[in-house]
Amino acid sequence: MKTNIIKIVIALSAACAASAFAATTGAAGEGSGPLVWFFIGFGVLVVMLQAVPAVILFVSMLRGVFSVADKASHVPKV
């Protein structure tokens, strides 16, 4: 068990060191092009369009929970 833990620790530390050496020295942003902003906007549009039916369903559920029920519908039939 100890050997497995040691192997995992060595592998993780080697992976962290490799990614650190792969980083560029001048990490300044190059700016985002219009295609990147279109992609982000499209993602936001998809999320907002998914939220509209969710809000409608939530409001309908709240109406059903807090509405007054008919007394006749809860009377057991004998």
C-alpha atoms as a PDB file:
ATOM      1  CA  MET A   1       0.000   0.000   0.000  1.00  0.00           C
ATOM      2  CA  LYS A   2       2.843   2.360   0.841  1.00  0.00           C
ATOM      3  CA  THR A   3       4.480   1.759  -2.519  1.00  0.00           C
ATOM      4  CA  ASN A   4       1.257   2.668  -4.320  1.00  0.00           C
ATOM      5  CA  ILE A   5       0.988   5.929  -2.389  1.00  0.00           C
ATOM      6  CA  ILE A   6       4.618   6.778  -3.110  1.00  0.00           C
ATOM      7  CA  LYS A   7       4.132   6.065  -6.834  1.00  0.00           C
ATOM      8  CA  ILE A   8       1.028   8.263  -6.946  1.00  0.00           C
ATOM      9  CA  VAL A   9       2.793  11.131  -5.161  1.00  0.00           C
ATOM     10  CA  ILE A  10       5.750  10.922  -7.537  1.00  0.00           C
ATOM     11  CA  ALA A  11       3.482  10.873 -10.594  1.00  0.00           C
ATOM     12  CA  LEU A  12       1.465  13.861  -9.380  1.00  0.00           C
ATOM     13  CA  SER A  13       4.530  15.912  -8.516  1.00  0.00           C
ATOM     14  CA  ALA A  14       6.081  15.148 -11.924  1.00  0.00           C
ATOM     15  CA  ALA A  15       2.869  16.209 -13.688  1.00  0.00           C
ATOM     16  CA  CYS A  16       2.784  19.502 -11.777  1.00  0.00           C
ATOM     17  CA  ALA A  17       6.410  20.245 -12.596  1.00  0.00           C
ATOM     18  CA  ALA A  18       5.910  19.471 -16.286  1.00  0.00           C
ATOM     19  CA  SER A  19       3.003  21.867 -16.596  1.00  0.00           C
ATOM     20  CA  ALA A  20       4.957  24.596 -14.799  1.00  0.00           C
ATOM     21  CA  PHE A  21       7.847  24.311 -17.244  1.00  0.00           C
ATOM     22  CA  ALA A  22       5.463  24.399 -20.216  1.00  0.00           C
ATOM     23  CA  ALA A  23       4.077  27.798 -19.226  1.00  0.00           C
ATOM     24  CA  THR A  24       5.191  30.788 -21.234  1.00  0.00           C
ATOM     25  CA  THR A  25       7.209  33.495 -19.587  1.00  0.00           C
ATOM     26  CA  GLY A  26       5.149  36.381 -20.966  1.00  0.00           C
ATOM     27  CA  ALA A  27       1.676  35.360 -19.828  1.00  0.00           C
ATOM     28  CA  ALA A  28      -0.002  38.484 -21.155  1.00  0.00           C
ATOM     29  CA  GLY A  29      -3.341  38.018 -22.855  1.00  0.00           C
ATOM     30  CA  GLU A  30      -3.467  38.464 -26.586  1.00  0.00           C
ATOM     31  CA  GLY A  31      -7.039  39.665 -26.560  1.00  0.00           C
ATOM     32  CA  SER A  32     -10.151  37.818 -27.556  1.00  0.00           C
ATOM     33  CA  GLY A  33     -11.360  37.858 -31.102  1.00  0.00           C
ATOM     34  CA  PRO A  34     -14.967  38.229 -32.172  1.00  0.00           C
ATOM     35  CA  LEU A  35     -15.333  34.465 -32.592  1.00  0.00           C
ATOM     36  CA  VAL A  36     -14.579  33.922 -28.898  1.00  0.00           C
ATOM     37  CA  TRP A  37     -17.174  36.506 -27.893  1.00  0.00           C
ATOM     38  CA  PHE A  38     -19.698  34.910 -30.258  1.00  0.00           C
ATOM     39  CA  PHE A  39     -19.076  31.531 -28.620  1.00  0.00           C
ATOM     40  CA  ILE A  40     -19.511  32.965 -25.112  1.00  0.00           C
ATOM     41  CA  GLY A  41     -22.663  34.816 -26.175  1.00  0.00           C
ATOM     42  CA  PHE A  42     -24.084  31.667 -27.759  1.00  0.00           C
ATOM     43  CA  GLY A  43     -23.438  29.752 -24.524  1.00  0.00           C
ATOM     44  CA  VAL A  44     -25.203  32.429 -22.484  1.00  0.00           C
ATOM     45  CA  LEU A  45     -28.110  32.392 -24.932  1.00  0.00           C
ATOM     46  CA  VAL A  46     -28.491  28.624 -24.576  1.00  0.00           C
ATOM     47  CA  VAL A  47     -28.467  28.852 -20.778  1.00  0.00           C
ATOM     48  CA  MET A  48     -31.053  31.651 -20.778  1.00  0.00           C
ATOM     49  CA  LEU A  49     -33.327  29.779 -23.168  1.00  0.00           C
ATOM     50  CA  GLN A  50     -33.129  26.739 -20.891  1.00  0.00           C
ATOM     51  CA  ALA A  51     -34.016  28.903 -17.887  1.00  0.00           C
ATOM     52  CA  VAL A  52     -37.317  30.163 -19.342  1.00  0.00           C
ATOM     53  CA  PRO A  53     -39.158  26.787 -19.191  1.00  0.00           C
ATOM     54  CA  ALA A  54     -37.595  26.094 -15.796  1.00  0.00           C
ATOM     55  CA  VAL A  55     -39.035  29.330 -14.383  1.00  0.00           C
ATOM     56  CA  ILE A  56     -42.458  28.582 -15.892  1.00  0.00           C
ATOM     57  CA  LEU A  57     -42.409  25.087 -14.380  1.00  0.00           C
ATOM     58  CA  PHE A  58     -41.333  26.443 -10.986  1.00  0.00           C
ATOM     59  CA  VAL A  59     -44.128  29.047 -10.930  1.00  0.00           C
ATOM     60  CA  SER A  60     -46.683  26.394 -11.910  1.00  0.00           C
ATOM     61  CA  MET A  61     -45.421  24.132  -9.143  1.00  0.00           C
ATOM     62  CA  LEU A  62     -45.728  26.916  -6.577  1.00  0.00           C
ATOM     63  CA  ARG A  63     -49.279  27.651  -7.734  1.00  0.00           C
ATOM     64  CA  GLY A  64     -50.179  23.977  -7.324  1.00  0.00           C
ATOM     65  CA  VAL A  65     -48.635  23.724  -3.865  1.00  0.00           C
ATOM     66  CA  PHE A  66     -50.187  26.885  -2.459  1.00  0.00           C
ATOM     67  CA  SER A  67     -53.596  26.745  -4.148  1.00  0.00           C
ATOM     68  CA  VAL A  68     -56.734  25.806  -2.247  1.00  0.00           C
ATOM     69  CA  ALA A  69     -57.751  22.237  -3.057  1.00  0.00           C
ATOM     70  CA  ASP A  70     -61.366  21.095  -3.557  1.00  0.00           C
ATOM     71  CA  LYS A  71     -62.770  19.269  -0.534  1.00  0.00           C
ATOM     72  CA  ALA A  72     -64.647  16.805  -2.777  1.00  0.00           C
ATOM     73  CA  SER A  73     -61.482  15.489  -4.367  1.00  0.00           C
ATOM     74  CA  HIS A  74     -60.076  14.327  -0.996  1.00  0.00           C
ATOM     75  CA  VAL A  75     -63.130  12.433   0.219  1.00  0.00           C
ATOM     76  CA  PRO A  76     -62.480   8.681   0.140  1.00  0.00           C
ATOM     77  CA  LYS A  77     -65.006   6.604  -1.769  1.00  0.00           C
ATOM     78  CA  VAL A  78     -66.621   3.754   0.163  1.00  0.00           C
END
